[in-house]
N, C-alpha and C. Protein backbone atom coordinates (compact mmCIF):
# COMPACT_ATOMS: atom_id res chain seq x y z
N MET A 1 -11.07 -13.90 -42.30
CA MET A 1 -9.96 -13.55 -41.76
C MET A 1 -8.38 -12.95 -42.52
N ILE A 2 -7.97 -12.01 -42.93
CA ILE A 2 -6.68 -11.98 -43.32
C ILE A 2 -5.86 -12.01 -42.67
N ASP A 3 -4.40 -12.71 -42.55
CA ASP A 3 -3.33 -13.09 -41.37
C ASP A 3 -2.69 -11.56 -41.94
N ARG A 4 -1.98 -11.42 -40.70
CA ARG A 4 -1.17 -10.16 -40.52
C ARG A 4 0.27 -10.82 -41.29
N ALA A 5 0.61 -9.48 -42.57
CA ALA A 5 1.89 -9.59 -43.04
C ALA A 5 3.26 -9.73 -42.42
N THR A 6 3.92 -10.55 -43.10
CA THR A 6 4.95 -10.95 -42.21
C THR A 6 6.20 -10.26 -42.15
N LYS A 7 6.19 -9.31 -41.56
CA LYS A 7 7.60 -8.13 -41.78
C LYS A 7 9.20 -8.57 -41.74
N LEU A 8 9.47 -8.36 -42.71
CA LEU A 8 10.89 -9.23 -43.17
C LEU A 8 12.16 -7.92 -43.69
N LEU A 9 13.33 -7.89 -42.52
CA LEU A 9 14.02 -6.74 -42.82
C LEU A 9 15.37 -7.58 -43.96
N LEU A 10 15.21 -6.91 -45.08
CA LEU A 10 16.46 -7.63 -46.05
C LEU A 10 17.60 -6.96 -45.88
N VAL A 11 18.69 -7.21 -45.85
CA VAL A 11 20.12 -6.14 -45.48
C VAL A 11 20.64 -6.80 -46.33
N GLU A 12 20.89 -6.01 -47.28
CA GLU A 12 21.54 -6.50 -48.73
C GLU A 12 21.92 -5.01 -49.44
N ASP A 13 23.25 -5.33 -49.88
CA ASP A 13 23.78 -4.19 -50.63
C ASP A 13 23.76 -4.00 -52.17
N ASP A 14 23.33 -5.33 -52.80
CA ASP A 14 23.59 -5.97 -54.23
C ASP A 14 21.92 -5.79 -54.63
N GLU A 15 21.51 -5.22 -55.93
CA GLU A 15 20.45 -4.84 -55.97
C GLU A 15 19.78 -6.36 -56.64
N ASP A 16 20.57 -6.83 -57.73
CA ASP A 16 20.32 -7.62 -58.30
C ASP A 16 19.44 -9.30 -57.41
N ASP A 17 20.55 -9.51 -56.04
CA ASP A 17 20.47 -10.33 -54.80
C ASP A 17 19.36 -9.83 -54.38
N TYR A 18 18.58 -8.24 -53.83
CA TYR A 18 17.62 -8.31 -53.71
C TYR A 18 16.34 -8.47 -54.44
N ILE A 19 16.44 -8.59 -55.88
CA ILE A 19 15.35 -8.70 -56.60
C ILE A 19 15.24 -10.36 -56.58
N LEU A 20 16.42 -11.17 -56.76
CA LEU A 20 16.31 -12.41 -56.46
C LEU A 20 15.60 -13.55 -55.40
N THR A 21 15.97 -12.43 -54.12
CA THR A 21 15.33 -12.70 -52.65
C THR A 21 13.91 -12.19 -53.22
N CYS A 22 13.33 -11.12 -53.40
CA CYS A 22 11.96 -11.17 -53.20
C CYS A 22 11.23 -12.03 -54.51
N ASP A 23 11.66 -12.68 -55.23
CA ASP A 23 11.31 -13.63 -56.02
C ASP A 23 10.93 -14.77 -55.04
N TYR A 24 11.90 -15.28 -54.65
CA TYR A 24 12.06 -16.35 -53.87
C TYR A 24 10.74 -16.23 -52.77
N LEU A 25 10.76 -14.85 -51.90
CA LEU A 25 9.87 -14.92 -51.10
C LEU A 25 8.22 -14.62 -51.78
N LYS A 26 8.21 -14.11 -52.75
CA LYS A 26 7.07 -14.03 -53.63
C LYS A 26 6.37 -15.78 -54.06
N SER A 27 7.42 -16.62 -54.02
CA SER A 27 7.05 -18.15 -54.15
C SER A 27 6.44 -18.66 -53.04
N LEU A 28 6.71 -18.05 -51.67
CA LEU A 28 6.31 -18.79 -50.46
C LEU A 28 4.68 -18.68 -50.40
N SER A 29 3.93 -19.51 -51.15
CA SER A 29 2.53 -19.13 -50.76
C SER A 29 2.00 -19.11 -49.47
N SER A 30 2.80 -19.63 -48.39
CA SER A 30 1.94 -19.89 -47.02
C SER A 30 2.12 -18.43 -46.01
N HIS A 31 2.65 -17.54 -46.82
CA HIS A 31 3.11 -16.52 -46.11
C HIS A 31 3.06 -15.03 -47.14
N ASN A 32 2.39 -14.22 -46.12
CA ASN A 32 2.39 -13.06 -46.98
C ASN A 32 3.49 -11.91 -46.50
N PHE A 33 4.84 -11.28 -47.17
CA PHE A 33 5.52 -10.75 -46.50
C PHE A 33 5.43 -9.43 -46.83
N ASP A 34 6.07 -8.46 -45.77
CA ASP A 34 5.99 -7.24 -45.98
C ASP A 34 7.37 -7.09 -45.80
N VAL A 35 8.15 -6.65 -46.81
CA VAL A 35 9.67 -6.16 -46.97
C VAL A 35 9.84 -5.25 -46.82
N GLU A 36 11.02 -4.94 -46.08
CA GLU A 36 11.88 -3.52 -46.00
C GLU A 36 13.30 -3.89 -46.60
N TRP A 37 13.66 -3.17 -47.22
CA TRP A 37 15.05 -3.18 -47.82
C TRP A 37 15.94 -2.32 -47.21
N VAL A 38 17.15 -2.61 -46.83
CA VAL A 38 17.98 -1.55 -46.02
C VAL A 38 19.42 -2.34 -46.77
N SER A 39 20.47 -1.29 -47.13
CA SER A 39 21.92 -1.66 -47.99
C SER A 39 22.98 -1.15 -46.65
N CYS A 40 22.39 0.20 -45.81
CA CYS A 40 23.56 0.01 -45.02
C CYS A 40 23.46 -0.46 -43.60
N PRO A 41 24.95 -1.02 -43.28
CA PRO A 41 25.17 -1.41 -42.18
C PRO A 41 24.68 -0.78 -40.98
N ILE A 42 24.70 0.57 -40.59
CA ILE A 42 24.69 1.30 -39.73
C ILE A 42 23.01 1.15 -39.89
N LYS A 43 22.37 1.61 -40.82
CA LYS A 43 20.72 1.71 -40.38
C LYS A 43 20.41 0.27 -40.04
N ALA A 44 21.16 -1.10 -40.56
CA ALA A 44 20.32 -2.50 -40.37
C ALA A 44 20.26 -1.95 -38.84
N VAL A 45 21.55 -1.93 -38.33
CA VAL A 45 21.57 -2.14 -36.65
C VAL A 45 20.46 -1.08 -36.09
N GLU A 46 20.47 0.00 -36.44
CA GLU A 46 19.22 0.74 -36.04
C GLU A 46 17.81 0.31 -36.20
N VAL A 47 17.76 -0.37 -37.22
CA VAL A 47 16.30 -0.76 -37.48
C VAL A 47 16.04 -1.73 -37.03
N LEU A 48 17.03 -3.08 -36.71
CA LEU A 48 17.00 -4.26 -36.10
C LEU A 48 16.85 -4.08 -34.34
N SER A 49 17.09 -2.59 -34.14
CA SER A 49 17.19 -2.54 -32.83
C SER A 49 15.69 -2.20 -31.98
N GLN A 50 14.66 -1.67 -33.32
CA GLN A 50 13.56 -1.49 -33.04
C GLN A 50 12.86 -2.69 -32.78
N ASN A 51 13.33 -3.93 -33.31
CA ASN A 51 12.44 -4.94 -32.87
C ASN A 51 11.13 -4.97 -33.43
N GLN A 52 10.87 -4.52 -34.29
CA GLN A 52 9.80 -4.47 -35.39
C GLN A 52 9.48 -5.57 -36.22
N HIS A 53 10.59 -5.76 -36.63
CA HIS A 53 10.44 -6.96 -37.96
C HIS A 53 10.65 -8.84 -36.92
N ASP A 54 9.26 -9.26 -38.20
CA ASP A 54 9.65 -11.01 -37.87
C ASP A 54 10.47 -11.57 -37.76
N ILE A 55 11.03 -11.31 -38.96
CA ILE A 55 12.43 -12.06 -39.22
C ILE A 55 13.31 -11.27 -40.11
N CYS A 56 14.65 -11.71 -40.35
CA CYS A 56 15.77 -11.03 -41.24
C CYS A 56 16.54 -11.80 -41.77
N LEU A 57 16.59 -11.21 -43.32
CA LEU A 57 17.85 -12.09 -43.95
C LEU A 57 19.11 -10.63 -44.00
N LEU A 58 20.65 -11.28 -43.55
CA LEU A 58 21.04 -10.38 -43.67
C LEU A 58 22.61 -10.85 -44.44
N ASP A 59 22.96 -10.29 -45.25
CA ASP A 59 24.09 -10.89 -46.08
C ASP A 59 25.04 -10.76 -45.15
N TYR A 60 25.99 -11.72 -45.79
CA TYR A 60 27.48 -11.21 -44.95
C TYR A 60 28.25 -10.10 -45.23
N ARG A 61 28.44 -10.23 -46.63
CA ARG A 61 29.18 -8.96 -47.15
C ARG A 61 28.28 -7.90 -47.72
N LEU A 62 28.71 -6.75 -46.70
CA LEU A 62 28.01 -5.39 -46.85
C LEU A 62 29.11 -4.91 -47.38
N GLY A 63 29.10 -4.42 -48.82
CA GLY A 63 30.80 -3.56 -49.09
C GLY A 63 31.52 -4.00 -47.94
N ALA A 64 32.26 -3.14 -47.13
CA ALA A 64 33.75 -3.16 -46.38
C ALA A 64 33.23 -3.75 -45.38
N SER A 65 31.86 -3.51 -45.06
CA SER A 65 31.61 -4.69 -43.55
C SER A 65 31.16 -5.72 -43.56
N ASP A 66 31.18 -6.33 -42.21
CA ASP A 66 30.65 -7.46 -41.63
C ASP A 66 29.62 -8.21 -41.57
N GLY A 67 28.56 -8.68 -42.09
CA GLY A 67 27.34 -9.06 -41.62
C GLY A 67 27.26 -9.72 -40.31
N LEU A 68 28.54 -10.21 -39.66
CA LEU A 68 28.34 -10.99 -38.43
C LEU A 68 28.60 -9.53 -36.97
N VAL A 69 29.12 -8.70 -37.52
CA VAL A 69 29.03 -7.12 -36.48
C VAL A 69 27.80 -6.68 -36.51
N VAL A 70 26.71 -6.74 -37.52
CA VAL A 70 25.51 -6.41 -37.82
C VAL A 70 24.66 -7.15 -36.76
N LEU A 71 24.91 -8.55 -36.78
CA LEU A 71 24.30 -9.41 -36.25
C LEU A 71 24.29 -9.47 -35.03
N LYS A 72 25.64 -9.35 -34.65
CA LYS A 72 26.11 -9.47 -33.04
C LYS A 72 25.39 -8.28 -32.28
N GLN A 73 25.55 -6.77 -32.96
CA GLN A 73 24.70 -5.82 -32.70
C GLN A 73 23.45 -5.75 -32.71
N ALA A 74 22.75 -6.45 -33.58
CA ALA A 74 21.28 -6.32 -33.44
C ALA A 74 20.77 -7.36 -32.03
N ILE A 75 21.41 -8.17 -32.23
CA ILE A 75 21.05 -9.18 -30.85
C ILE A 75 21.29 -8.41 -29.41
N GLU A 76 22.35 -7.76 -29.53
CA GLU A 76 23.05 -7.36 -28.20
C GLU A 76 22.12 -5.78 -28.03
N ASN A 77 21.39 -5.32 -28.84
CA ASN A 77 20.56 -4.46 -28.67
C ASN A 77 18.93 -4.65 -28.62
N GLY A 78 18.95 -5.72 -28.51
CA GLY A 78 17.39 -6.72 -27.97
C GLY A 78 16.81 -6.92 -29.10
N TYR A 79 16.85 -7.39 -30.32
CA TYR A 79 16.25 -7.72 -31.21
C TYR A 79 16.31 -9.11 -31.17
N ASN A 80 15.20 -9.78 -30.78
CA ASN A 80 14.92 -11.03 -30.52
C ASN A 80 13.99 -11.74 -31.84
N GLY A 81 13.79 -11.78 -33.39
CA GLY A 81 13.92 -12.18 -34.11
C GLY A 81 14.78 -13.34 -34.36
N PRO A 82 14.38 -13.97 -35.47
CA PRO A 82 15.21 -14.99 -36.33
C PRO A 82 16.04 -14.14 -37.49
N ILE A 83 17.50 -14.52 -37.29
CA ILE A 83 18.10 -13.66 -38.52
C ILE A 83 19.02 -14.75 -39.37
N ILE A 84 18.79 -14.89 -40.33
CA ILE A 84 19.34 -15.55 -41.67
C ILE A 84 20.59 -15.17 -42.33
N MET A 85 21.44 -15.58 -42.34
CA MET A 85 22.91 -15.17 -42.52
C MET A 85 22.75 -15.65 -44.74
N LEU A 86 23.27 -14.24 -44.88
CA LEU A 86 23.28 -15.36 -46.52
C LEU A 86 24.68 -14.35 -46.86
N THR A 87 25.08 -15.70 -47.63
CA THR A 87 26.35 -15.23 -48.24
C THR A 87 26.82 -15.58 -49.99
N GLY A 88 27.63 -15.09 -50.65
CA GLY A 88 28.02 -15.72 -51.82
C GLY A 88 29.00 -16.64 -51.79
N GLN A 89 29.68 -17.04 -51.04
CA GLN A 89 30.79 -18.47 -51.25
C GLN A 89 30.40 -18.89 -49.65
N SER A 90 30.69 -20.23 -50.47
CA SER A 90 30.15 -21.41 -49.10
C SER A 90 31.77 -21.43 -48.23
N ASN A 91 31.43 -21.18 -46.94
CA ASN A 91 32.58 -21.31 -46.23
C ASN A 91 32.13 -22.00 -44.58
N GLU A 92 32.79 -23.06 -44.35
CA GLU A 92 32.38 -23.75 -43.07
C GLU A 92 32.83 -23.17 -42.06
N ALA A 93 33.82 -22.20 -41.83
CA ALA A 93 34.30 -21.54 -40.70
C ALA A 93 33.17 -20.20 -40.56
N LEU A 94 32.63 -19.46 -41.55
CA LEU A 94 32.05 -18.51 -41.26
C LEU A 94 30.45 -18.97 -41.04
N ASP A 95 30.11 -19.94 -41.71
CA ASP A 95 28.74 -20.67 -41.20
C ASP A 95 28.80 -20.76 -39.89
N ASN A 96 30.22 -21.37 -39.01
CA ASN A 96 29.91 -22.01 -38.06
C ASN A 96 29.64 -20.32 -36.43
N ALA A 97 30.52 -19.79 -37.47
CA ALA A 97 30.67 -18.34 -37.00
C ALA A 97 29.27 -17.64 -36.82
N ALA A 98 28.56 -17.63 -38.29
CA ALA A 98 27.51 -16.80 -37.73
C ALA A 98 26.15 -17.68 -36.84
N LEU A 99 26.63 -18.90 -36.94
CA LEU A 99 25.67 -19.30 -35.88
C LEU A 99 25.71 -19.75 -34.38
N ASP A 100 27.08 -19.52 -34.32
CA ASP A 100 27.50 -19.01 -32.89
C ASP A 100 27.23 -17.74 -32.54
N ALA A 101 27.19 -17.10 -33.27
CA ALA A 101 26.70 -15.41 -33.08
C ALA A 101 25.04 -15.42 -32.81
N GLY A 102 24.49 -16.39 -33.78
CA GLY A 102 23.00 -16.40 -32.91
C GLY A 102 22.01 -16.21 -34.13
N ALA A 103 22.14 -16.89 -35.34
CA ALA A 103 22.09 -16.61 -36.75
C ALA A 103 21.03 -18.05 -36.64
N VAL A 104 20.03 -18.12 -37.27
CA VAL A 104 19.28 -19.44 -37.12
C VAL A 104 19.87 -20.35 -38.43
N ASP A 105 20.05 -19.69 -39.38
CA ASP A 105 20.75 -20.87 -40.65
C ASP A 105 21.45 -20.23 -41.26
N TYR A 106 21.80 -20.58 -42.33
CA TYR A 106 23.10 -20.08 -43.17
C TYR A 106 22.55 -20.20 -44.60
N LEU A 107 22.76 -19.33 -45.11
CA LEU A 107 22.38 -19.96 -46.73
C LEU A 107 23.19 -19.48 -47.76
N VAL A 108 23.80 -20.33 -48.57
CA VAL A 108 25.07 -19.85 -49.92
C VAL A 108 23.83 -18.99 -50.78
N LYS A 109 24.17 -18.10 -51.59
CA LYS A 109 23.35 -17.81 -52.43
C LYS A 109 23.22 -18.70 -53.88
N SER A 110 24.93 -19.06 -54.10
CA SER A 110 24.91 -19.60 -55.61
C SER A 110 24.65 -21.49 -55.19
N GLU A 111 24.06 -21.62 -54.21
CA GLU A 111 23.38 -23.09 -53.85
C GLU A 111 22.15 -22.81 -53.71
N MET A 112 21.52 -22.11 -53.57
CA MET A 112 20.25 -21.43 -52.81
C MET A 112 19.01 -22.05 -53.99
N SER A 113 18.19 -22.97 -53.70
CA SER A 113 17.36 -23.42 -54.35
C SER A 113 15.99 -22.70 -54.07
N SER A 114 14.92 -22.75 -54.31
CA SER A 114 13.32 -22.50 -54.31
C SER A 114 13.22 -23.22 -52.83
N SER A 115 13.12 -24.74 -52.71
CA SER A 115 13.01 -25.50 -52.04
C SER A 115 13.34 -25.01 -50.76
N ARG A 116 15.10 -25.31 -50.80
CA ARG A 116 16.21 -24.76 -49.52
C ARG A 116 15.53 -23.51 -49.04
N PHE A 117 15.54 -22.42 -49.90
CA PHE A 117 14.97 -21.10 -49.48
C PHE A 117 13.73 -21.07 -48.51
N ALA A 118 12.54 -21.77 -48.95
CA ALA A 118 11.53 -21.96 -48.12
C ALA A 118 11.68 -22.57 -46.82
N ARG A 119 12.33 -23.69 -46.78
CA ARG A 119 12.32 -24.23 -45.81
C ARG A 119 12.74 -23.58 -44.84
N SER A 120 14.03 -23.08 -45.06
CA SER A 120 14.54 -22.16 -43.94
C SER A 120 13.81 -21.00 -43.55
N ILE A 121 13.12 -20.57 -44.39
CA ILE A 121 12.18 -19.61 -43.85
C ILE A 121 11.04 -19.84 -43.00
N ARG A 122 10.34 -21.18 -43.52
CA ARG A 122 9.38 -21.84 -42.54
C ARG A 122 9.93 -22.03 -41.24
N TYR A 123 11.14 -22.88 -41.13
CA TYR A 123 11.74 -22.98 -39.84
C TYR A 123 12.17 -21.82 -39.15
N ALA A 124 12.65 -20.67 -39.76
CA ALA A 124 12.99 -19.81 -38.45
C ALA A 124 11.59 -18.95 -37.94
N LEU A 125 10.54 -19.13 -38.91
CA LEU A 125 9.13 -18.74 -38.59
C LEU A 125 8.83 -19.09 -37.48
N ALA A 126 8.74 -20.84 -37.71
CA ALA A 126 8.18 -21.70 -36.67
C ALA A 126 8.91 -21.39 -35.25
N ARG A 127 10.46 -21.40 -35.70
CA ARG A 127 10.91 -21.28 -34.14
C ARG A 127 10.65 -20.18 -33.49
N ARG A 128 10.55 -19.15 -34.01
CA ARG A 128 10.30 -18.00 -33.59
C ARG A 128 8.82 -17.99 -32.91
N ASP A 129 7.56 -18.83 -33.46
CA ASP A 129 6.16 -18.83 -32.92
C ASP A 129 6.72 -19.78 -31.51
N VAL A 130 7.65 -20.72 -31.60
CA VAL A 130 7.40 -21.92 -30.66
C VAL A 130 8.48 -20.81 -29.47
N GLU A 131 9.12 -20.18 -29.94
CA GLU A 131 9.83 -19.41 -28.77
C GLU A 131 8.99 -18.24 -27.82
N GLY A 132 8.21 -17.83 -28.74
CA GLY A 132 7.04 -16.49 -28.56
C GLY A 132 6.28 -17.64 -27.45
N GLU A 133 5.63 -18.38 -27.73
CA GLU A 133 4.70 -19.12 -27.06
C GLU A 133 5.45 -19.65 -25.53
N ARG A 134 6.58 -20.05 -25.65
CA ARG A 134 7.46 -20.32 -24.70
C ARG A 134 7.34 -19.00 -23.72
N VAL A 135 7.72 -18.30 -23.91
CA VAL A 135 7.97 -16.66 -23.42
C VAL A 135 6.85 -16.28 -22.56
N GLU A 136 5.54 -16.54 -23.32
CA GLU A 136 4.40 -16.13 -22.73
C GLU A 136 3.89 -16.75 -22.11
N ARG A 137 4.35 -18.56 -22.13
CA ARG A 137 3.97 -19.35 -20.99
C ARG A 137 4.89 -19.02 -19.54
N LEU A 138 5.83 -18.76 -19.92
CA LEU A 138 7.11 -18.31 -18.99
C LEU A 138 6.31 -16.89 -17.77
N LYS A 139 5.58 -15.97 -18.69
CA LYS A 139 5.11 -15.05 -18.42
C LYS A 139 4.18 -15.27 -17.65
N ALA A 140 3.07 -16.00 -18.13
CA ALA A 140 1.89 -16.03 -17.28
C ALA A 140 2.08 -17.11 -16.14
N GLU A 141 2.89 -17.81 -16.09
CA GLU A 141 3.24 -18.55 -14.85
C GLU A 141 3.78 -17.59 -13.61
N ALA A 142 4.83 -16.99 -14.00
CA ALA A 142 5.28 -15.89 -13.34
C ALA A 142 4.37 -14.90 -12.40
N GLU A 143 3.31 -14.70 -13.39
CA GLU A 143 2.08 -13.48 -13.10
C GLU A 143 1.07 -14.29 -11.78
N ASN A 144 1.06 -15.39 -12.36
CA ASN A 144 0.04 -16.56 -11.37
C ASN A 144 1.04 -16.62 -10.01
N ARG A 145 2.21 -16.95 -10.01
CA ARG A 145 2.99 -17.04 -8.83
C ARG A 145 2.89 -15.90 -8.22
N SER A 146 2.79 -14.40 -8.74
CA SER A 146 3.08 -13.47 -7.99
C SER A 146 1.87 -13.43 -7.26
N LYS A 147 0.73 -13.54 -7.99
CA LYS A 147 -0.92 -13.39 -7.78
C LYS A 147 -1.03 -14.55 -6.38
N ASP A 148 -0.64 -15.42 -6.34
CA ASP A 148 -0.61 -16.25 -5.59
C ASP A 148 0.18 -15.99 -4.06
N ARG A 149 1.19 -15.38 -3.94
CA ARG A 149 1.82 -14.75 -3.13
C ARG A 149 0.75 -13.80 -2.51
N PHE A 150 0.72 -13.05 -3.17
CA PHE A 150 -0.13 -11.62 -2.94
C PHE A 150 -1.32 -11.99 -2.22
N LEU A 151 -2.10 -13.01 -2.43
CA LEU A 151 -3.19 -13.58 -1.93
C LEU A 151 -2.55 -14.05 -0.32
N ALA A 152 -1.98 -14.98 -0.57
CA ALA A 152 -1.39 -15.65 0.27
C ALA A 152 -0.53 -14.59 1.72
N HIS A 153 0.26 -13.69 1.35
CA HIS A 153 0.33 -12.55 2.27
C HIS A 153 -0.85 -11.60 2.68
N LEU A 154 -1.87 -11.02 2.02
CA LEU A 154 -2.78 -10.47 2.35
C LEU A 154 -3.59 -11.07 2.94
N SER A 155 -3.92 -12.38 2.79
CA SER A 155 -5.24 -12.98 3.81
C SER A 155 -3.97 -13.43 4.99
N HIS A 156 -2.81 -13.62 5.38
CA HIS A 156 -2.27 -13.79 7.11
C HIS A 156 -2.30 -12.19 7.14
N GLU A 157 -1.85 -11.20 6.65
CA GLU A 157 -1.96 -9.93 6.98
C GLU A 157 -3.14 -9.20 7.69
N LEU A 158 -4.26 -10.01 6.93
CA LEU A 158 -5.94 -9.71 7.60
C LEU A 158 -6.53 -10.81 8.36
N ARG A 159 -5.91 -12.01 8.70
CA ARG A 159 -6.08 -12.62 10.10
C ARG A 159 -5.97 -12.11 10.96
N THR A 160 -4.26 -11.27 11.07
CA THR A 160 -4.31 -11.10 11.98
C THR A 160 -4.83 -10.10 13.20
N PRO A 161 -5.31 -8.95 12.46
CA PRO A 161 -6.18 -7.88 13.11
C PRO A 161 -7.82 -8.26 13.09
N LEU A 162 -8.29 -9.36 12.31
CA LEU A 162 -9.12 -10.04 12.24
C LEU A 162 -9.57 -10.91 13.94
N SER A 163 -8.49 -11.65 13.82
CA SER A 163 -8.52 -12.60 15.20
C SER A 163 -8.91 -11.71 16.68
N SER A 164 -7.57 -10.40 16.45
CA SER A 164 -8.31 -9.51 17.59
C SER A 164 -9.55 -8.94 17.74
N ILE A 165 -10.08 -8.55 16.50
CA ILE A 165 -11.59 -8.03 16.61
C ILE A 165 -12.36 -9.20 17.17
N LEU A 166 -12.42 -10.60 17.06
CA LEU A 166 -13.11 -11.51 17.05
C LEU A 166 -12.67 -11.79 18.78
N GLY A 167 -11.37 -11.86 18.99
CA GLY A 167 -10.89 -11.92 20.58
C GLY A 167 -11.54 -11.14 21.63
N TYR A 168 -11.36 -9.90 21.33
CA TYR A 168 -11.92 -8.95 22.10
C TYR A 168 -13.81 -8.67 22.09
N THR A 169 -14.23 -9.27 21.15
CA THR A 169 -15.97 -9.45 20.79
C THR A 169 -16.31 -10.14 21.98
N GLU A 170 -15.36 -11.51 21.93
CA GLU A 170 -15.76 -12.68 22.82
C GLU A 170 -15.92 -12.15 24.05
N LEU A 171 -14.63 -11.43 24.35
CA LEU A 171 -14.56 -10.91 25.83
C LEU A 171 -15.52 -9.98 25.99
N LEU A 172 -16.28 -9.38 25.46
CA LEU A 172 -17.20 -8.56 25.65
C LEU A 172 -18.98 -8.98 25.61
N LEU A 173 -18.66 -10.17 24.99
CA LEU A 173 -20.02 -11.23 24.93
C LEU A 173 -20.05 -11.59 26.21
N GLN A 174 -19.03 -12.06 26.83
CA GLN A 174 -18.98 -12.33 28.14
C GLN A 174 -19.04 -11.54 29.29
N SER A 175 -18.62 -10.62 29.09
CA SER A 175 -19.16 -9.27 30.14
C SER A 175 -20.09 -8.72 30.39
N GLU A 176 -20.42 -7.42 31.16
CA GLU A 176 -21.46 -6.72 31.49
C GLU A 176 -22.13 -6.17 30.33
N PHE A 177 -20.94 -5.68 29.59
CA PHE A 177 -21.64 -4.86 28.51
C PHE A 177 -22.53 -5.40 27.33
N ASN A 178 -22.79 -7.11 27.89
CA ASN A 178 -23.53 -7.82 26.85
C ASN A 178 -24.88 -8.03 27.18
N GLN A 179 -25.04 -7.24 28.34
CA GLN A 179 -26.93 -6.78 28.47
C GLN A 179 -27.15 -5.33 27.81
N HIS A 180 -25.96 -4.54 27.39
CA HIS A 180 -26.63 -3.54 26.61
C HIS A 180 -26.32 -3.85 24.95
N ALA A 181 -25.82 -4.82 24.82
CA ALA A 181 -25.19 -4.19 23.27
C ALA A 181 -25.13 -6.03 22.64
N ASN A 182 -26.15 -6.94 23.11
CA ASN A 182 -25.93 -8.55 22.78
C ASN A 182 -26.10 -8.89 21.42
N ASN A 183 -27.03 -8.15 20.72
CA ASN A 183 -27.44 -8.43 19.52
C ASN A 183 -26.01 -7.86 18.58
N GLU A 184 -26.01 -6.48 18.90
CA GLU A 184 -24.72 -5.90 17.96
C GLU A 184 -23.51 -6.58 18.15
N LEU A 185 -22.99 -7.23 19.51
CA LEU A 185 -22.03 -7.95 18.95
C LEU A 185 -21.95 -9.24 18.95
N GLY A 186 -22.86 -10.13 18.87
CA GLY A 186 -23.31 -11.09 17.97
C GLY A 186 -23.12 -11.20 16.37
N VAL A 187 -23.92 -9.60 15.77
CA VAL A 187 -23.80 -9.34 14.48
C VAL A 187 -22.19 -9.49 14.42
N ILE A 188 -21.14 -8.78 15.05
CA ILE A 188 -19.84 -8.91 14.95
C ILE A 188 -19.26 -9.50 15.06
N TYR A 189 -19.58 -10.62 16.17
CA TYR A 189 -18.94 -11.96 15.86
C TYR A 189 -18.79 -13.01 14.74
N ARG A 190 -20.43 -13.18 14.42
CA ARG A 190 -20.82 -13.98 13.60
C ARG A 190 -19.88 -13.48 12.35
N ASN A 191 -20.22 -12.68 12.05
CA ASN A 191 -19.74 -11.90 10.61
C ASN A 191 -17.96 -11.57 10.43
N GLY A 192 -17.75 -11.77 11.43
CA GLY A 192 -16.19 -12.01 11.94
C GLY A 192 -15.75 -13.48 11.81
N LYS A 193 -16.40 -14.36 12.24
CA LYS A 193 -15.99 -15.53 12.06
C LYS A 193 -15.98 -15.94 10.46
N HIS A 194 -17.32 -15.83 9.81
CA HIS A 194 -17.65 -15.76 8.34
C HIS A 194 -16.79 -15.21 7.78
N LEU A 195 -16.36 -14.20 7.74
CA LEU A 195 -14.97 -13.64 7.38
C LEU A 195 -13.70 -14.24 7.48
N LEU A 196 -13.34 -14.71 8.94
CA LEU A 196 -12.00 -15.53 8.72
C LEU A 196 -12.36 -16.92 8.06
N SER A 197 -13.16 -17.51 7.95
CA SER A 197 -13.41 -18.60 6.88
C SER A 197 -13.00 -18.31 6.04
N LEU A 198 -13.65 -17.43 5.08
CA LEU A 198 -12.94 -16.95 3.82
C LEU A 198 -11.71 -16.84 3.65
N LEU A 199 -10.94 -16.29 4.83
CA LEU A 199 -9.84 -15.97 4.60
C LEU A 199 -9.13 -17.12 4.54
N ASN A 200 -9.35 -18.13 5.41
CA ASN A 200 -8.67 -19.47 5.26
C ASN A 200 -8.73 -20.02 4.07
N ASP A 201 -10.18 -19.79 3.11
CA ASP A 201 -10.48 -20.59 2.04
C ASP A 201 -9.39 -20.01 1.08
N VAL A 202 -9.14 -18.65 1.14
CA VAL A 202 -8.35 -17.72 0.15
C VAL A 202 -6.93 -18.47 0.50
N LEU A 203 -6.30 -18.14 1.73
CA LEU A 203 -5.43 -18.96 1.78
C LEU A 203 -4.87 -20.60 1.41
N ASP A 204 -6.20 -20.94 1.62
CA ASP A 204 -5.98 -22.67 1.49
C ASP A 204 -5.62 -22.70 -0.41
N LEU A 205 -6.49 -21.89 -0.91
CA LEU A 205 -6.32 -22.24 -2.77
C LEU A 205 -5.22 -21.51 -2.65
N SER A 206 -4.41 -20.71 -2.26
CA SER A 206 -3.24 -20.18 -2.69
C SER A 206 -2.02 -21.14 -2.28
N LYS A 207 -2.27 -21.84 -1.20
CA LYS A 207 -1.32 -22.89 -1.05
C LYS A 207 -1.34 -24.43 -2.06
N ILE A 208 -2.90 -24.39 -2.50
CA ILE A 208 -3.18 -25.44 -3.66
C ILE A 208 -2.10 -25.20 -4.92
N ALA A 209 -2.49 -23.34 -4.94
CA ALA A 209 -1.98 -23.37 -6.19
C ALA A 209 0.01 -23.16 -6.43
N ALA A 210 0.46 -23.00 -5.36
CA ALA A 210 1.94 -23.49 -4.73
C ALA A 210 1.98 -25.00 -4.52
N ASP A 211 1.57 -25.70 -4.43
CA ASP A 211 1.58 -27.05 -4.48
C ASP A 211 1.92 -27.20 -2.72
N LYS A 212 1.54 -26.32 -1.78
CA LYS A 212 2.43 -26.59 -0.56
C LYS A 212 0.96 -26.61 0.90
N LEU A 213 -0.13 -26.90 0.14
CA LEU A 213 -1.12 -27.35 1.01
C LEU A 213 -0.72 -28.45 2.04
N GLU A 214 -0.83 -28.75 2.84
CA GLU A 214 -0.43 -29.77 3.85
C GLU A 214 -2.00 -30.30 4.42
N LEU A 215 -2.24 -31.47 3.76
CA LEU A 215 -3.73 -32.13 4.72
C LEU A 215 -3.42 -32.56 6.13
N ASN A 216 -4.31 -32.49 6.76
CA ASN A 216 -4.65 -33.10 8.20
C ASN A 216 -5.49 -34.29 8.38
N PHE A 217 -5.09 -35.29 8.68
CA PHE A 217 -5.92 -36.70 8.77
C PHE A 217 -6.31 -36.97 9.76
N SER A 218 -5.97 -36.16 10.93
CA SER A 218 -6.24 -36.80 12.50
C SER A 218 -7.27 -36.38 12.78
């Protein structure tokens, strides 16, 4: 089985840095990258807003533009993948600003090594996977809670008319009509009681799932 290529968006306006970054990516044997290169900040925001890339490498200086603006706008527009900020100079204030804006890491090009680059990429992708699993788990739990609430509501709604049917059937069995339809009324009553038992079981199951079942030992 061939793993799906990791879709990576590289936002970089320097062709030499683009080539260097691609060389680093090729050295990562643990991943197969499908790289898309964008040099225009406006185009970068447009592409990231489509939320179709697994990870983004974003240069801080894009001509006269600021990569932080791209970072903030992309996140506001719904991009939820990891973004690693790249820069040509070490700057603690910029580092903190990038992390505060939502970047998962900050790499200085002049200080970057293959091992440092690989570690940053692996960490970002691992963090994405963990977050994705957390979101899927929360969605599954929410769906289960909705299902349990629906079953509980449905069983309550069905029990009310069913109780009326059983009550009137019991009255008919005790009346003079019993002489003409004893067997039929008996069938209705027995099947109604069986259906009521099933509804009670469904209600109990929904209560167990919601941790609201009360046991009566009296």
